[in-house]
Protein backbone atom coordinates (compact mmCIF):
# COMPACT_ATOMS: atom_id res chain seq x y z
CA UNK A 1 21.13 -4.08 76.38
CA UNK A 2 23.14 -2.13 74.73
CA UNK A 3 25.13 -4.06 72.53
CA UNK A 4 21.44 -4.00 70.74
CA UNK A 5 21.34 -0.35 70.79
CA UNK A 6 24.63 0.30 69.50
CA UNK A 7 23.59 -2.44 66.19
CA UNK A 8 20.57 -0.26 65.50
CA UNK A 9 21.82 3.15 66.03
CA UNK A 10 24.89 1.17 63.47
CA UNK A 11 21.92 -0.20 61.19
CA UNK A 12 20.45 3.43 61.45
CA UNK A 13 23.52 4.97 60.37
CA UNK A 14 24.24 2.64 57.49
CA UNK A 15 20.42 3.17 56.14
CA UNK A 16 20.00 6.49 56.36
CA UNK A 17 22.52 7.25 53.34
CA UNK A 18 20.67 5.01 51.56
CA UNK A 19 17.79 7.16 51.20
CA UNK A 20 19.80 9.21 48.93
CA UNK A 21 22.21 6.73 47.06
CA UNK A 22 19.67 6.58 44.38
CA UNK A 23 18.69 3.18 45.09
CA UNK A 24 14.78 3.62 44.47
CA UNK A 25 15.03 6.58 41.22
CA UNK A 26 17.37 4.04 39.21
CA UNK A 27 15.44 1.21 39.40
CA UNK A 28 12.29 3.38 38.59
CA UNK A 29 14.43 5.08 35.83
CA UNK A 30 14.68 1.26 34.59
CA UNK A 31 11.08 0.57 34.50
CA UNK A 32 10.60 3.81 32.62
CA UNK A 33 12.63 2.67 29.84
CA UNK A 34 10.51 -0.78 30.12
CA UNK A 35 7.56 0.74 29.72
CA UNK A 36 8.57 3.03 27.01
CA UNK A 37 9.96 0.26 24.79
CA UNK A 38 6.71 -1.73 25.47
CA UNK A 39 4.37 1.33 24.33
CA UNK A 40 7.26 2.11 20.89
CA UNK A 41 6.48 -2.02 20.43
CA UNK A 42 2.43 -1.50 20.60
CA UNK A 43 2.74 1.00 18.15
CA UNK A 44 5.39 -0.61 15.69
CA UNK A 45 3.20 -3.86 16.04
CA UNK A 46 -0.10 -1.71 15.16
CA UNK A 47 1.68 -0.34 12.04
CA UNK A 48 2.16 -4.08 10.88
CA UNK A 49 -1.14 -4.83 11.82
CA UNK A 50 -2.38 -2.79 8.76
CA UNK A 51 0.05 -3.53 6.16
CA UNK A 52 -2.18 -6.65 5.44
CA UNK A 53 -5.37 -4.66 4.66
CA UNK A 54 -3.28 -2.43 3.10
CA UNK A 55 -1.45 -4.86 0.76
CA UNK A 56 -5.16 -6.20 -0.03
CA UNK A 57 -6.72 -3.25 -0.87
CA UNK A 58 -3.32 -2.10 -3.19
CA UNK A 59 -3.46 -6.00 -4.87
CA UNK A 60 -6.98 -5.39 -5.30
CA UNK A 61 -6.56 -2.59 -7.91
CA UNK A 62 -2.72 -3.37 -8.96
CA UNK A 63 -2.12 -7.13 -8.91
CA UNK A 64 0.59 -6.34 -11.57
CA UNK A 65 2.85 -4.93 -8.84
CA UNK A 66 3.47 -8.04 -7.60
CA UNK A 67 7.17 -7.84 -6.83
CA UNK A 68 6.41 -4.67 -4.80
CA UNK A 69 3.62 -6.12 -3.10
CA UNK A 70 5.78 -9.23 -2.14
CA UNK A 71 8.81 -7.08 -0.68
CA UNK A 72 6.35 -5.19 1.61
CA UNK A 73 4.70 -8.64 2.87
CA UNK A 74 8.43 -9.66 3.26
CA UNK A 75 9.89 -6.98 5.33
CA UNK A 76 6.51 -7.06 7.29
CA UNK A 77 7.48 -10.89 8.15
CA UNK A 78 11.01 -9.87 9.13
CA UNK A 79 10.18 -6.68 11.18
CA UNK A 80 7.56 -9.01 12.97
CA UNK A 81 9.93 -12.01 13.70
CA UNK A 82 12.69 -9.78 14.87
CA UNK A 83 12.13 -9.52 18.16
CA UNK A 84 13.98 -7.92 21.14
CA UNK A 85 13.44 -8.36 25.09
CA UNK A 86 13.70 -5.33 27.63
CA UNK A 87 16.52 -7.37 29.01
CA UNK A 88 18.65 -6.40 25.48
CA UNK A 89 17.92 -2.99 25.41
CA UNK A 90 21.52 -2.92 26.76
CA UNK A 91 22.49 -4.90 23.48
CA UNK A 92 23.17 -2.54 21.07
CA UNK A 93 23.91 -5.32 17.97
CA UNK A 94 20.18 -6.59 18.74
CA UNK A 95 18.79 -3.62 19.01
CA UNK A 96 20.45 -2.34 15.71
CA UNK A 97 19.04 -5.90 14.15
CA UNK A 98 15.52 -4.54 15.11
CA UNK A 99 15.82 -1.08 14.19
CA UNK A 100 17.07 -2.22 10.85
CA UNK A 101 14.16 -4.54 10.36
CA UNK A 102 11.88 -1.62 10.92
CA UNK A 103 13.61 0.18 8.71
CA UNK A 104 13.16 -2.38 6.22
CA UNK A 105 9.52 -2.28 6.53
CA UNK A 106 8.95 1.76 6.47
CA UNK A 107 11.40 1.42 3.45
CA UNK A 108 8.69 -1.32 1.66
CA UNK A 109 6.01 0.74 2.45
CA UNK A 110 7.72 3.99 1.01
CA UNK A 111 7.76 1.99 -2.10
CA UNK A 112 4.45 0.92 -1.83
CA UNK A 113 2.89 4.38 -1.71
CA UNK A 114 5.02 5.51 -4.80
CA UNK A 115 3.48 2.80 -6.78
CA UNK A 116 0.10 3.43 -5.25
CA UNK A 117 0.38 7.10 -6.71
CA UNK A 118 -0.20 5.65 -10.64
CA UNK A 119 -3.44 4.21 -9.27
CA UNK A 120 -5.90 7.20 -8.91
CA UNK A 121 -8.83 4.45 -8.20
CA UNK A 122 -6.68 2.89 -5.02
CA UNK A 123 -6.70 6.62 -4.25
CA UNK A 124 -10.43 6.93 -4.43
CA UNK A 125 -11.14 3.70 -2.79
CA UNK A 126 -12.46 4.42 0.76
CA UNK A 127 -10.86 1.50 2.49
CA UNK A 128 -7.75 3.06 1.31
CA UNK A 129 -8.67 6.23 2.78
CA UNK A 130 -9.32 5.18 5.78
CA UNK A 131 -6.15 3.20 5.76
CA UNK A 132 -4.57 6.01 5.08
CA UNK A 133 -5.59 8.26 7.88
CA UNK A 134 -4.54 4.84 10.41
CA UNK A 135 -1.16 4.44 9.06
CA UNK A 136 -0.48 8.15 8.96
CA UNK A 137 -1.22 8.36 12.71
CA UNK A 138 0.64 5.13 13.28
CA UNK A 139 3.93 6.74 12.14
CA UNK A 140 3.56 9.67 13.96
CA UNK A 141 2.81 7.79 17.10
CA UNK A 142 5.73 5.86 16.27
CA UNK A 143 8.14 8.70 16.36
CA UNK A 144 6.21 10.30 19.33
CA UNK A 145 7.79 6.89 21.15
CA UNK A 146 10.99 6.74 19.86
CA UNK A 147 11.51 9.97 21.16
CA UNK A 148 9.80 8.85 24.55
CA UNK A 149 11.54 5.82 24.91
CA UNK A 150 15.43 7.41 24.09
CA UNK A 151 14.21 10.49 26.63
CA UNK A 152 13.88 7.36 29.11
CA UNK A 153 16.88 5.77 28.45
CA UNK A 154 18.96 9.34 28.49
CA UNK A 155 17.68 9.73 32.05
CA UNK A 156 17.97 6.40 32.72
CA UNK A 157 21.45 6.42 31.51
CA UNK A 158 22.94 9.37 33.28
CA UNK A 159 20.93 8.19 36.66
CA UNK A 160 23.68 5.41 36.81
CA UNK A 161 26.72 7.41 35.75
CA UNK A 162 25.98 10.36 38.45
CA UNK A 163 27.30 10.03 42.16
CA UNK A 164 26.11 8.64 44.61
CA UNK A 165 23.75 6.77 42.39
CA UNK A 166 27.46 4.91 40.69
CA UNK A 167 28.17 3.78 43.95
CA UNK A 168 25.00 2.20 45.00
CA UNK A 169 24.73 0.57 41.29
CA UNK A 170 28.52 -0.84 41.26
CA UNK A 171 27.98 -1.89 44.56
CA UNK A 172 24.13 -3.38 44.78
CA UNK A 173 22.08 -3.25 41.56
CA UNK A 174 24.07 -3.52 38.69
CA UNK A 175 21.87 -1.94 36.01
CA UNK A 176 23.62 -1.83 32.77
CA UNK A 177 23.20 1.43 30.05
CA UNK A 178 20.79 1.24 27.79
CA UNK A 179 20.83 1.92 24.26
CA UNK A 180 19.07 4.83 21.97
CA UNK A 181 16.86 3.37 19.50
CA UNK A 182 17.74 5.46 16.33
CA UNK A 183 15.84 6.40 13.47
CA UNK A 184 16.52 4.12 10.52
CA UNK A 185 19.07 4.96 8.30
CA UNK A 186 17.48 7.53 5.33
CA UNK A 187 14.62 8.12 7.56
CA UNK A 188 15.49 10.82 11.36
CA UNK A 189 12.13 11.34 11.16
CA UNK A 190 8.79 9.31 10.75
CA UNK A 191 8.92 7.74 7.07
CA UNK A 192 6.46 10.25 5.30
CA UNK A 193 3.45 8.53 4.32
CA UNK A 194 1.65 10.48 1.00
CA UNK A 195 -1.22 8.74 -0.05
CA UNK A 196 -1.84 12.41 -2.27
CA UNK A 197 -4.95 14.62 -1.82
CA UNK A 198 -8.42 13.23 -1.91
CA UNK A 199 -9.41 15.83 -5.09
């Protein structure tokens, strides 16, 4: 009986420090990173889903801009085929490859918008105007989702390095730091999509 009480006390003494060791908070932080990544992926997918309609709308009025339209289609294809799993968020090379594919799509989309400026009939098209608002909103969502993801990564990376969490992580969890999703080169902010004024 005394042996059992001693064992229970020892177990209680062992478990008591675990309440302040960060075990649960680090796992919650990792889940926050995964959730923020899912939101960012959803915003990027929404942009990709809008592009076929945009290309078709432009193609109807500017069919001879075939090279620019093809570049957008190819960039979209590459961006949607380049994927990353939540488990790869700590892999800098994988995340950079993903970011580069998304950056290529942003660049191709920006070039298409420059072409559109030469065609007033496209800018007057109601379908195009509706897409204008959707794409502008989506670019803003991407910027917000990128910031939220990076904020979650920053909080998580700090949580696994601070004491006593670092001990708990090294002994029990073995969670790895996550990589930030940097804006594509040349676009430290959301790409500006300017469809011109309605006048």
